[in-house]
Amino acid sequence: MLHTPRSTRGMVTSPHHLASQSGLDVLRKGGTALEAVIATAATLSVVYPHMTGVGGDAFWLIAYPDGTTTVIDASGRAGQNVNQALYRTAGHNSVPWRGGLAANTMAGTVSGWQEARRQSAKLAPCLPLETLFEDAIFHAAQGYPMSQSEALLLREKMPDLLANPQFRTAYDVPQAPQTGHIRRNLALARTLESLARNGLDSFYQGPLAKMLATGLAEAGSPLDHADFARHAVRVTQPLHTDLPGVRVYNAPPPTQGVASLAILKLFSLLDRPQAESFGYVHGLVEATKRAFLFRNQHVQDPDSMSEDCQAFLDDENRLRALAAGIDSHRAMPWPHPAQAGDTTWMGAVDSSGVVVSMIQSLYFEFGSGVFLPDAGLFWQNRGASFQLTPEGDPDGWNTLAPGKKPFHTLNPAIARFADGRVMAYGTMGGEGQPQTQAALFTRYALYDTPLQQAVSAPRWLLGRTWGDDNTALKVENNLDATIRHDLSAAGHIVVEVEAFSDLMGHAGALVHHPDGMLEGAADPRSDGVVAAF
């Protein structure tokens, strides 16, 4: 994938071609970019269930033509019965990654769809939910061909998933899942039909919410029906930083958006290296380390933070001091604690110039592994990132406490250029999200690489990502051999992986030009496409 698709009326990109087409169909019917992303996300919940779903969380970043930029924080809090004593009594020294006790935070995704629809209603009359969910319901009821990544991860994670005795029958997969297997999910089709008929708030109040709460309780989750009723979406302002000729936006805590912006800012303060050189890759990796040190120390539930992330990004002296500490020839020792996770990023732009960057996730592949057969969905394990402290101190970093939001790897990005362009971009990949964002954005914005080539070009990843616990610097083996050698010589612990590796995430990007031209890119590492008209 080398050539950048272009159009003028509307465009959608996502990591699955069926989902991109769902979004495009909504644009064709007169829907806004916000509605297109709801449709894309709903279809992804069906055809990419290992990565995302209605049992997860989401963050939206929306750029409006009037210059305003808004964040929808559709992430859930720990249940009111979720406390450290619960896990200590069960014999745990940390929150487990799988099982009922990992399903300890409310799912916010559907509330994000609801808020996006409210905002869309300010722009144009809303399309019916039945229209937005039409494709998703069809694929769930009639079947979809299983993607390579879903089949691969099902085979790999099957022992964990079989801990839920209802999984095998309810999930409708053969003993050894293969790419192309036609999978149906009638229960999820009924859930989406119910949401379309009764409204999106019925996920949190009413018979559907009661059914979900009952299923979670049967799986050993501490969430209860009252936690559903307490959930509320949050509309807030994005973080931002200024680079030459462009302002870049990202989501505030509890996401790691500050790290994504700090990488770009620190890199911009270095002597500009040559494109696609050792200095380019080394500079971004070293900027990543400094940004992650700040993130790992400070970023968590915003109600529990003592550091202001926007103040950090605005502190030129502090950032210059961090940049000055980067050795242009030697790697700083690493690793430090890393964060894992998986996700789907999607974006849409409509003819009016509304640009949406949205990321939706179950956290780990298949989330907590808790599959609710009556609803046809997995529940996230985002709260597995919470920390248990020996003294049960609720003031420690990302410490588990009732009603608290966990740290999130999710962070959608948008950039507004001085020349009038607006860019939406993002990726899945846990620890790799800020790094892939930095590679994609700098290639396009600072080095004038065409958009699709910026996404397709060889990538690297420092630390862990979904499906991998290695904390070395992983580089795709189609990265120039001289660069790989020089990185090792500089002290980086380099591990080569195959070209176009899933480990590098499934990225995408859209650009709205002031003359109305739209550009898009999808990642050849994914099952995605750019859909446009």
Protein backbone atom coordinates (compact mmCIF):
# COMPACT_ATOMS: atom_id res chain seq x y z
CA MET A 1 0.00 0.00 0.00
CA LEU A 2 1.91 3.00 -1.32
CA HIS A 3 -0.63 5.27 -2.97
CA THR A 4 -2.79 7.63 -0.90
CA PRO A 5 -6.55 7.45 -1.66
CA ARG A 6 -8.20 10.85 -2.24
CA SER A 7 -11.77 12.10 -2.53
CA THR A 8 -13.90 15.16 -1.74
CA ARG A 9 -17.30 14.13 -0.27
CA GLY A 10 -16.43 11.88 2.66
CA MET A 11 -13.91 9.35 3.91
CA VAL A 12 -13.57 6.66 6.59
CA THR A 13 -10.63 4.52 7.63
CA SER A 14 -10.53 1.65 10.11
CA PRO A 15 -8.63 -1.62 10.66
CA HIS A 16 -11.36 -3.72 8.98
CA HIS A 17 -12.71 -3.17 5.47
CA LEU A 18 -16.30 -4.08 6.39
CA ALA A 19 -16.31 -1.49 9.16
CA SER A 20 -14.93 1.21 6.87
CA GLN A 21 -17.69 0.45 4.38
CA SER A 22 -20.30 0.74 7.15
CA GLY A 23 -19.08 4.23 7.95
CA LEU A 24 -19.04 5.23 4.29
CA ASP A 25 -22.63 4.03 3.83
CA VAL A 26 -23.70 6.37 6.63
CA LEU A 27 -21.92 9.29 4.98
CA ARG A 28 -23.63 8.47 1.69
CA LYS A 29 -27.01 8.59 3.46
CA GLY A 30 -26.27 12.10 4.70
CA GLY A 31 -24.89 11.22 8.11
CA THR A 32 -22.17 13.22 9.81
CA ALA A 33 -18.61 12.03 10.47
CA LEU A 34 -19.70 11.39 14.08
CA GLU A 35 -22.48 9.07 12.94
CA ALA A 36 -20.12 7.38 10.47
CA VAL A 37 -17.75 6.55 13.30
CA ILE A 38 -20.60 5.13 15.41
CA ALA A 39 -21.50 2.82 12.52
CA THR A 40 -17.83 1.91 11.98
CA ALA A 41 -17.39 1.16 15.68
CA ALA A 42 -20.53 -0.96 15.82
CA THR A 43 -19.39 -3.09 12.89
CA LEU A 44 -15.91 -3.42 14.37
CA SER A 45 -17.54 -4.72 17.55
CA VAL A 46 -18.88 -7.59 15.45
CA VAL A 47 -16.08 -8.33 12.99
CA TYR A 48 -13.08 -7.47 15.22
CA PRO A 49 -14.31 -8.80 18.59
CA HIS A 50 -10.83 -9.70 19.80
CA MET A 51 -9.85 -6.02 19.69
CA THR A 52 -12.96 -4.04 20.54
CA GLY A 53 -16.60 -4.21 21.49
CA VAL A 54 -19.51 -2.73 23.37
CA GLY A 55 -18.05 -4.18 26.57
CA GLY A 56 -15.04 -1.82 26.37
CA ASP A 57 -14.09 1.85 26.63
CA ALA A 58 -13.57 4.61 24.07
CA PHE A 59 -12.14 8.10 23.62
CA TRP A 60 -13.23 10.53 20.91
CA LEU A 61 -11.38 13.58 19.60
CA ILE A 62 -13.49 15.79 17.33
CA ALA A 63 -12.34 18.76 15.26
CA TYR A 64 -15.14 21.05 14.13
CA PRO A 65 -14.88 23.45 11.17
CA ASP A 66 -15.24 26.47 13.50
CA GLY A 67 -11.88 25.63 15.08
CA THR A 68 -13.13 24.00 18.28
CA THR A 69 -11.76 20.63 19.32
CA THR A 70 -13.57 18.42 21.84
CA VAL A 71 -12.88 15.20 23.74
CA ILE A 72 -15.47 12.60 24.69
CA ASP A 73 -14.15 10.46 27.55
CA ALA A 74 -16.28 7.32 27.39
CA SER A 75 -14.27 5.32 29.92
CA GLY A 76 -15.67 3.53 32.93
CA ARG A 77 -14.87 3.63 36.62
CA ALA A 78 -14.20 0.79 39.03
CA GLY A 79 -17.35 -0.52 40.64
CA GLN A 80 -18.35 0.66 44.09
CA ASN A 81 -17.65 -2.83 45.46
CA VAL A 82 -14.18 -2.93 43.89
CA ASN A 83 -11.58 -2.48 46.63
CA GLN A 84 -8.21 -3.88 47.58
CA ALA A 85 -9.64 -6.10 50.32
CA LEU A 86 -11.69 -7.94 47.68
CA TYR A 87 -8.50 -9.05 45.93
CA ARG A 88 -6.48 -9.70 49.09
CA THR A 89 -9.24 -11.93 50.44
CA ALA A 90 -9.25 -13.84 47.14
CA GLY A 91 -5.49 -14.43 47.55
CA HIS A 92 -4.28 -11.93 44.92
CA ASN A 93 -1.29 -9.61 45.25
CA SER A 94 -2.23 -7.93 41.97
CA VAL A 95 -5.38 -7.54 39.91
CA PRO A 96 -5.69 -10.59 37.65
CA TRP A 97 -5.67 -10.08 33.88
CA ARG A 98 -8.44 -12.60 33.15
CA GLY A 99 -11.64 -13.77 34.77
CA GLY A 100 -14.45 -12.16 36.74
CA LEU A 101 -12.20 -10.16 39.05
CA ALA A 102 -10.55 -8.60 35.97
CA ALA A 103 -13.97 -7.33 34.82
CA ASN A 104 -14.04 -4.62 37.46
CA THR A 105 -14.74 -1.38 35.54
CA MET A 106 -17.85 -0.20 33.74
CA ALA A 107 -17.86 -0.29 29.95
CA GLY A 108 -18.12 3.22 28.52
CA THR A 109 -18.20 2.60 24.76
CA VAL A 110 -21.98 2.84 24.31
CA SER A 111 -22.15 6.07 26.33
CA GLY A 112 -19.56 7.49 23.91
CA TRP A 113 -21.79 6.57 20.98
CA GLN A 114 -24.67 8.30 22.73
CA GLU A 115 -22.72 11.52 23.39
CA ALA A 116 -21.37 11.56 19.82
CA ARG A 117 -24.93 11.28 18.56
CA ARG A 118 -25.95 14.21 20.78
CA GLN A 119 -23.18 16.31 19.31
CA SER A 120 -24.07 15.19 15.81
CA ALA A 121 -27.66 16.37 16.38
CA LYS A 122 -26.33 19.92 16.71
CA LEU A 123 -25.04 19.69 13.14
CA ALA A 124 -27.83 17.87 11.30
CA PRO A 125 -30.89 15.70 12.01
CA CYS A 126 -29.76 12.29 13.27
CA LEU A 127 -30.11 9.14 11.24
CA PRO A 128 -32.03 6.36 13.04
CA LEU A 129 -29.97 4.00 15.16
CA GLU A 130 -31.35 1.17 13.02
CA THR A 131 -29.51 2.74 10.09
CA LEU A 132 -26.25 3.17 12.01
CA PHE A 133 -26.36 -0.45 13.20
CA GLU A 134 -27.70 -2.01 10.01
CA ASP A 135 -24.42 -3.52 8.84
CA ALA A 136 -23.31 -4.57 12.31
CA ILE A 137 -26.60 -6.40 12.93
CA PHE A 138 -26.40 -8.09 9.51
CA HIS A 139 -22.84 -9.31 10.04
CA ALA A 140 -23.65 -10.57 13.54
CA ALA A 141 -26.81 -12.40 12.47
CA GLN A 142 -25.80 -13.67 9.03
CA GLY A 143 -22.08 -14.18 9.67
CA TYR A 144 -18.75 -12.66 8.68
CA PRO A 145 -15.48 -14.28 7.55
CA MET A 146 -13.11 -14.41 10.50
CA SER A 147 -10.02 -12.26 10.04
CA GLN A 148 -6.52 -13.66 10.26
CA SER A 149 -5.79 -11.79 13.50
CA GLU A 150 -8.99 -13.02 15.19
CA ALA A 151 -8.34 -16.64 14.17
CA LEU A 152 -4.69 -16.45 15.22
CA LEU A 153 -5.46 -14.95 18.62
CA LEU A 154 -8.34 -17.35 19.23
CA ARG A 155 -5.97 -20.28 18.77
CA GLU A 156 -3.33 -18.63 20.94
CA LYS A 157 -5.66 -17.54 23.76
CA MET A 158 -8.06 -20.49 23.71
CA PRO A 159 -6.81 -21.97 27.03
CA ASP A 160 -7.54 -18.67 28.81
CA LEU A 161 -10.93 -18.27 27.15
CA LEU A 162 -12.03 -21.81 27.97
CA ALA A 163 -11.85 -20.88 31.66
CA ASN A 164 -15.36 -19.55 30.97
CA PRO A 165 -17.34 -22.78 30.45
CA GLN A 166 -19.95 -21.00 28.31
CA PHE A 167 -17.38 -19.63 25.88
CA ARG A 168 -17.02 -22.56 23.48
CA THR A 169 -20.72 -22.93 22.68
CA ALA A 170 -21.67 -19.28 22.82
CA TYR A 171 -18.78 -17.90 20.77
CA ASP A 172 -19.52 -20.20 17.80
CA VAL A 173 -16.02 -21.23 16.76
CA PRO A 174 -14.56 -24.58 15.71
CA GLN A 175 -11.89 -26.43 17.70
CA ALA A 176 -9.10 -24.87 15.61
CA PRO A 177 -10.35 -21.52 14.25
CA GLN A 178 -9.13 -20.66 10.78
CA THR A 179 -9.09 -17.47 8.75
CA GLY A 180 -12.29 -17.23 6.71
CA HIS A 181 -14.45 -19.29 9.07
CA ILE A 182 -17.97 -17.82 8.91
CA ARG A 183 -18.83 -16.82 12.45
CA ARG A 184 -22.24 -15.70 13.64
CA ASN A 185 -23.15 -13.96 16.87
CA LEU A 186 -26.93 -13.97 17.17
CA ALA A 187 -26.83 -12.75 20.76
CA LEU A 188 -24.83 -9.65 19.79
CA ALA A 189 -27.26 -9.01 16.93
CA ARG A 190 -30.11 -9.04 19.47
CA THR A 191 -28.15 -6.68 21.76
CA LEU A 192 -27.61 -4.18 18.96
CA GLU A 193 -31.26 -4.49 17.90
CA SER A 194 -32.28 -3.79 21.49
CA LEU A 195 -30.04 -0.70 21.64
CA ALA A 196 -31.48 0.57 18.36
CA ARG A 197 -35.04 -0.01 19.54
CA ASN A 198 -34.76 1.21 23.14
CA GLY A 199 -32.01 3.83 22.89
CA LEU A 200 -28.34 3.78 23.80
CA ASP A 201 -28.98 4.69 27.43
CA SER A 202 -30.70 1.31 27.80
CA PHE A 203 -27.22 -0.20 28.05
CA TYR A 204 -27.00 1.39 31.50
CA GLN A 205 -30.62 1.42 32.68
CA GLY A 206 -33.44 -1.04 32.05
CA PRO A 207 -33.76 -4.73 31.13
CA LEU A 208 -30.57 -4.89 29.03
CA ALA A 209 -28.49 -3.37 31.83
CA LYS A 210 -30.02 -5.82 34.29
CA MET A 211 -29.20 -8.75 31.98
CA LEU A 212 -25.59 -7.57 31.63
CA ALA A 213 -25.20 -7.10 35.38
CA THR A 214 -26.60 -10.58 36.03
CA GLY A 215 -24.22 -12.14 33.52
CA LEU A 216 -21.24 -10.35 35.05
CA ALA A 217 -22.20 -11.46 38.55
CA GLU A 218 -22.47 -15.07 37.36
CA ALA A 219 -18.94 -14.75 35.92
CA GLY A 220 -17.57 -13.52 39.26
CA SER A 221 -17.35 -9.81 38.45
CA PRO A 222 -17.78 -7.35 41.35
CA LEU A 223 -19.78 -4.95 39.16
CA ASP A 224 -23.47 -4.65 39.95
CA HIS A 225 -26.56 -3.03 38.50
CA ALA A 226 -25.99 0.16 40.48
CA ASP A 227 -22.61 0.62 38.77
CA PHE A 228 -24.39 0.69 35.41
CA ALA A 229 -26.76 3.41 36.59
CA ARG A 230 -23.88 5.50 38.02
CA HIS A 231 -21.92 5.62 34.78
CA ALA A 232 -21.63 8.97 33.02
CA VAL A 233 -19.69 10.12 29.97
CA ARG A 234 -17.37 13.12 30.30
CA VAL A 235 -16.95 15.88 27.70
CA THR A 236 -13.72 17.79 28.15
CA GLN A 237 -10.95 19.72 26.44
CA PRO A 238 -7.93 18.10 24.74
CA LEU A 239 -4.28 18.51 25.60
CA HIS A 240 -2.22 20.27 22.94
CA THR A 241 1.30 21.23 21.99
CA ASP A 242 2.66 23.53 19.30
CA LEU A 243 5.20 22.47 16.71
CA PRO A 244 6.42 24.53 13.74
CA GLY A 245 3.34 25.22 11.62
CA VAL A 246 0.98 22.90 13.46
CA ARG A 247 -0.87 22.43 16.75
CA VAL A 248 -1.29 18.78 17.78
CA TYR A 249 -4.10 17.58 20.07
CA ASN A 250 -4.57 14.46 22.14
CA ALA A 251 -6.78 13.15 24.93
CA PRO A 252 -6.10 14.16 28.56
CA PRO A 253 -5.71 11.76 31.52
CA PRO A 254 -6.54 9.05 32.27
CA THR A 255 -5.07 8.43 28.79
CA GLN A 256 -1.40 8.54 27.85
CA GLY A 257 -2.08 11.36 25.39
CA VAL A 258 0.45 13.59 27.16
CA ALA A 259 3.18 11.07 26.28
CA SER A 260 2.25 11.16 22.58
CA LEU A 261 2.45 14.95 22.54
CA ALA A 262 5.63 15.08 24.63
CA ILE A 263 7.43 12.76 22.20
CA LEU A 264 6.66 15.12 19.33
CA LYS A 265 7.61 18.21 21.31
CA LEU A 266 10.91 16.76 22.54
CA PHE A 267 11.81 15.54 19.06
CA SER A 268 11.09 19.01 17.64
CA LEU A 269 13.62 20.47 20.11
CA LEU A 270 16.44 18.24 18.81
CA ASP A 271 18.65 19.13 15.87
CA ARG A 272 16.52 18.02 12.92
CA PRO A 273 17.95 14.67 11.76
CA GLN A 274 17.79 13.46 8.18
CA ALA A 275 14.60 11.60 7.27
CA GLU A 276 14.67 7.81 7.70
CA SER A 277 18.13 7.88 9.26
CA PHE A 278 19.66 6.52 12.46
CA GLY A 279 19.29 9.99 13.98
CA TYR A 280 15.59 10.06 13.12
CA VAL A 281 14.74 6.71 14.72
CA HIS A 282 17.14 7.16 17.65
CA GLY A 283 15.79 10.65 18.37
CA LEU A 284 12.19 9.47 18.49
CA VAL A 285 13.06 6.45 20.66
CA GLU A 286 14.99 8.58 23.14
CA ALA A 287 12.18 11.17 23.23
CA THR A 288 9.81 8.28 23.92
CA LYS A 289 11.80 7.23 26.98
CA ARG A 290 11.64 10.71 28.53
CA ALA A 291 7.93 11.02 27.78
CA PHE A 292 7.21 7.60 29.26
CA LEU A 293 9.05 8.44 32.47
CA PHE A 294 6.68 11.37 33.01
CA ARG A 295 3.67 9.26 32.04
CA ASN A 296 4.58 6.36 34.31
CA GLN A 297 5.02 8.65 37.29
CA HIS A 298 2.01 10.89 36.91
CA VAL A 299 -0.76 9.83 34.51
CA GLN A 300 -3.80 8.17 36.06
CA ASP A 301 -7.37 9.12 37.04
CA PRO A 302 -7.34 12.93 36.70
CA ASP A 303 -9.08 13.24 40.07
CA SER A 304 -6.01 11.64 41.70
CA MET A 305 -3.27 13.56 39.87
CA SER A 306 -1.00 16.21 41.36
CA GLU A 307 0.71 17.15 38.06
CA ASP A 308 -1.02 19.23 35.37
CA CYS A 309 -0.27 17.63 31.99
CA GLN A 310 -1.01 20.77 29.99
CA ALA A 311 1.29 22.79 32.26
CA PHE A 312 4.01 20.19 31.61
CA LEU A 313 3.54 20.52 27.84
CA ASP A 314 3.61 24.32 28.13
CA ASP A 315 6.80 24.40 30.24
CA GLU A 316 9.36 25.18 27.55
CA ASN A 317 12.29 25.27 29.99
CA ARG A 318 11.45 21.87 31.44
CA LEU A 319 11.04 20.30 28.01
CA ARG A 320 14.25 21.87 26.71
CA ALA A 321 16.10 20.44 29.71
CA LEU A 322 14.71 16.98 28.94
CA ALA A 323 15.64 17.32 25.27
CA ALA A 324 19.14 18.50 26.20
CA GLY A 325 19.61 15.27 28.16
CA ILE A 326 19.17 13.18 25.02
CA ASP A 327 22.49 11.86 23.75
CA SER A 328 22.40 11.88 19.96
CA HIS A 329 24.77 8.90 19.82
CA ARG A 330 23.95 6.71 22.84
CA ALA A 331 20.80 5.04 24.13
CA MET A 332 19.57 5.72 27.66
CA PRO A 333 19.31 2.46 29.64
CA TRP A 334 15.90 0.85 29.43
CA PRO A 335 13.41 -0.77 30.27
CA HIS A 336 11.11 0.83 32.76
CA PRO A 337 7.64 -0.56 33.60
CA ALA A 338 5.57 -0.86 30.45
CA GLN A 339 1.88 -0.97 29.62
CA ALA A 340 0.25 -3.50 27.31
CA GLY A 341 -3.10 -3.50 25.57
CA ASP A 342 -4.95 -3.66 22.28
CA THR A 343 -7.36 -1.38 20.53
CA THR A 344 -9.01 -0.25 17.31
CA TRP A 345 -8.55 3.28 15.95
CA MET A 346 -10.89 4.70 13.36
CA GLY A 347 -11.42 8.07 11.74
CA ALA A 348 -13.94 9.82 9.54
CA VAL A 349 -14.35 13.17 7.82
CA ASP A 350 -17.48 14.51 6.14
CA SER A 351 -18.01 17.11 3.44
CA SER A 352 -18.65 19.86 6.02
CA GLY A 353 -15.15 19.37 7.43
CA VAL A 354 -15.99 17.61 10.72
CA VAL A 355 -13.01 15.37 11.49
CA VAL A 356 -13.22 12.55 14.03
CA SER A 357 -10.42 10.53 15.61
CA MET A 358 -11.76 7.71 17.81
CA ILE A 359 -10.21 4.80 19.66
CA GLN A 360 -12.17 1.93 21.20
CA SER A 361 -10.80 -1.01 23.15
CA LEU A 362 -11.22 -4.08 25.35
CA TYR A 363 -7.63 -3.54 26.64
CA PHE A 364 -6.12 -7.05 26.24
CA GLU A 365 -7.10 -9.28 23.34
CA PHE A 366 -10.61 -10.56 24.23
CA GLY A 367 -10.55 -8.30 27.31
CA SER A 368 -11.10 -10.08 30.62
CA GLY A 369 -12.09 -13.25 28.78
CA VAL A 370 -15.53 -12.92 30.40
CA PHE A 371 -17.96 -13.61 27.58
CA LEU A 372 -21.63 -12.85 28.31
CA PRO A 373 -23.51 -15.38 26.16
CA ASP A 374 -26.93 -13.71 26.47
CA ALA A 375 -25.47 -10.45 25.13
CA GLY A 376 -22.83 -11.91 22.79
CA LEU A 377 -19.99 -9.72 24.05
CA PHE A 378 -16.70 -9.75 25.92
CA TRP A 379 -16.17 -7.47 28.92
CA GLN A 380 -13.00 -5.42 29.11
CA ASN A 381 -10.18 -5.88 31.61
CA ARG A 382 -9.06 -2.24 31.66
CA GLY A 383 -9.11 -2.29 35.46
CA ALA A 384 -6.41 -4.98 35.46
CA SER A 385 -3.91 -2.13 35.17
CA PHE A 386 -4.81 -0.96 38.69
CA GLN A 387 -2.12 -1.45 41.31
CA LEU A 388 -2.57 -3.08 44.73
CA THR A 389 -0.41 -1.53 47.45
CA PRO A 390 0.87 -3.34 50.54
CA GLU A 391 -0.82 -0.84 52.84
CA GLY A 392 -3.84 -0.34 50.59
CA ASP A 393 -2.82 3.29 50.11
CA PRO A 394 -5.38 4.87 47.74
CA ASP A 395 -2.98 7.74 46.91
CA GLY A 396 -0.32 5.68 45.09
CA TRP A 397 0.04 5.72 41.30
CA ASN A 398 -2.96 4.09 39.59
CA THR A 399 -3.95 2.45 42.87
CA LEU A 400 -7.19 0.49 42.94
CA ALA A 401 -10.07 2.20 44.73
CA PRO A 402 -13.87 2.17 44.33
CA GLY A 403 -15.16 4.57 41.67
CA LYS A 404 -11.69 5.31 40.27
CA LYS A 405 -10.70 5.36 36.58
CA PRO A 406 -7.69 3.24 35.60
CA PHE A 407 -4.77 4.45 33.52
CA HIS A 408 -5.51 4.15 29.79
CA THR A 409 -3.19 3.48 26.88
CA LEU A 410 -5.90 4.79 24.53
CA ASN A 411 -5.18 8.16 22.92
CA PRO A 412 -6.67 9.47 19.66
CA ALA A 413 -4.83 12.33 17.93
CA ILE A 414 -5.73 15.32 15.75
CA ALA A 415 -3.53 18.05 14.26
CA ARG A 416 -4.49 21.48 12.92
CA PHE A 417 -1.95 22.93 10.48
CA ALA A 418 -1.40 26.64 9.95
CA ASP A 419 -2.22 26.16 6.25
CA GLY A 420 -5.73 24.92 7.12
CA ARG A 421 -5.23 21.15 6.95
CA VAL A 422 -6.78 19.03 9.70
CA MET A 423 -5.35 15.56 10.33
CA ALA A 424 -6.81 12.69 12.38
CA TYR A 425 -4.56 9.74 13.17
CA GLY A 426 -4.08 6.90 15.62
CA THR A 427 -3.38 3.23 16.13
CA MET A 428 -3.87 0.21 18.32
CA GLY A 429 -0.90 -1.18 20.18
CA GLY A 430 -0.77 -0.38 23.91
CA GLU A 431 2.74 0.85 24.66
CA GLY A 432 3.30 1.31 20.94
CA GLN A 433 0.49 3.82 20.36
CA PRO A 434 2.49 7.00 21.10
CA GLN A 435 5.47 5.66 19.17
CA THR A 436 3.52 4.75 16.06
CA GLN A 437 1.72 8.08 16.23
CA ALA A 438 5.10 9.83 16.39
CA ALA A 439 6.48 7.92 13.40
CA LEU A 440 3.35 8.42 11.31
CA PHE A 441 2.95 12.11 12.16
CA THR A 442 6.58 13.17 11.80
CA ARG A 443 6.95 11.39 8.48
CA TYR A 444 3.91 13.17 7.07
CA ALA A 445 4.09 16.56 8.81
CA LEU A 446 7.82 17.19 9.22
CA TYR A 447 9.33 15.24 6.31
CA ASP A 448 6.54 15.52 3.69
CA THR A 449 6.16 11.77 3.25
CA PRO A 450 2.89 10.95 1.41
CA LEU A 451 0.21 9.87 3.91
CA GLN A 452 -0.12 6.22 2.92
CA GLN A 453 3.66 5.77 2.76
CA ALA A 454 3.93 7.34 6.23
CA VAL A 455 1.63 4.59 7.56
CA SER A 456 3.16 1.73 5.54
CA ALA A 457 6.84 2.57 6.22
CA PRO A 458 8.91 0.34 8.55
CA ARG A 459 8.23 0.89 12.24
CA TRP A 460 9.73 0.18 15.63
CA LEU A 461 8.43 -0.29 19.15
CA LEU A 462 10.10 0.19 22.51
CA GLY A 463 8.47 -1.86 25.27
CA ARG A 464 5.45 -4.11 25.34
CA THR A 465 2.40 -4.19 23.15
CA TRP A 466 -0.55 -6.51 22.71
CA GLY A 467 0.42 -10.17 22.61
CA ASP A 468 4.08 -9.55 23.52
CA ASP A 469 5.89 -8.93 26.84
CA ASN A 470 9.36 -8.19 25.46
CA THR A 471 10.60 -4.72 26.48
CA ALA A 472 13.46 -4.44 23.95
CA LEU A 473 13.43 -2.15 20.91
CA LYS A 474 11.61 -4.20 18.30
CA VAL A 475 12.22 -3.13 14.69
CA GLU A 476 10.68 -4.45 11.50
CA ASN A 477 13.31 -6.18 9.39
CA ASN A 478 12.57 -4.03 6.35
CA LEU A 479 13.99 -1.03 8.21
CA ASP A 480 17.31 -0.15 6.58
CA ALA A 481 20.03 -2.58 7.73
CA THR A 482 22.47 0.25 8.41
CA ILE A 483 19.99 1.90 10.75
CA ARG A 484 19.41 -1.38 12.59
CA HIS A 485 23.16 -1.86 12.99
CA ASP A 486 23.70 1.69 14.20
CA LEU A 487 20.88 1.38 16.74
CA SER A 488 22.54 -1.70 18.22
CA ALA A 489 25.93 0.02 18.22
CA ALA A 490 24.40 2.94 20.13
CA GLY A 491 23.32 0.63 22.94
CA HIS A 492 19.73 -0.15 21.99
CA ILE A 493 18.72 -3.76 22.63
CA VAL A 494 17.37 -4.45 19.15
CA VAL A 495 15.08 -7.37 18.32
CA GLU A 496 14.09 -7.81 14.68
CA VAL A 497 10.53 -8.81 13.79
CA GLU A 498 8.97 -9.53 10.43
CA ALA A 499 8.00 -6.72 8.11
CA PHE A 500 4.43 -5.47 8.52
CA SER A 501 4.18 -7.17 11.90
CA ASP A 502 0.94 -7.01 13.89
CA LEU A 503 3.09 -6.05 16.88
CA MET A 504 3.53 -2.61 15.32
CA GLY A 505 -0.17 -1.85 15.56
CA HIS A 506 -2.91 -1.11 13.07
CA ALA A 507 -2.62 2.59 12.26
CA GLY A 508 -4.61 4.94 10.09
CA ALA A 509 -4.88 8.59 9.18
CA LEU A 510 -7.11 11.12 7.42
CA VAL A 511 -6.36 14.66 6.23
CA HIS A 512 -8.94 17.32 5.34
CA HIS A 513 -7.44 20.00 3.08
CA PRO A 514 -8.79 23.56 3.02
CA ASP A 515 -9.83 23.19 -0.62
CA GLY A 516 -12.05 20.21 0.33
CA MET A 517 -9.74 17.42 -0.79
CA LEU A 518 -9.61 14.43 1.55
CA GLU A 519 -6.70 12.01 1.93
CA GLY A 520 -6.69 8.73 3.83
CA ALA A 521 -4.45 5.85 4.78
CA ALA A 522 -5.00 2.37 6.20
CA ASP A 523 -2.38 0.04 7.60
CA PRO A 524 -1.24 -2.94 5.49
CA ARG A 525 -0.64 -4.65 8.85
CA SER A 526 -4.42 -4.73 9.39
CA ASP A 527 -7.54 -5.88 7.56
CA GLY A 528 -8.50 -2.28 6.93
CA VAL A 529 -9.13 -0.01 3.99
CA VAL A 530 -9.92 3.61 3.27
CA ALA A 531 -13.52 3.94 2.12
CA ALA A 532 -14.32 7.17 0.27
CA PHE A 533 -16.69 8.90 -2.14
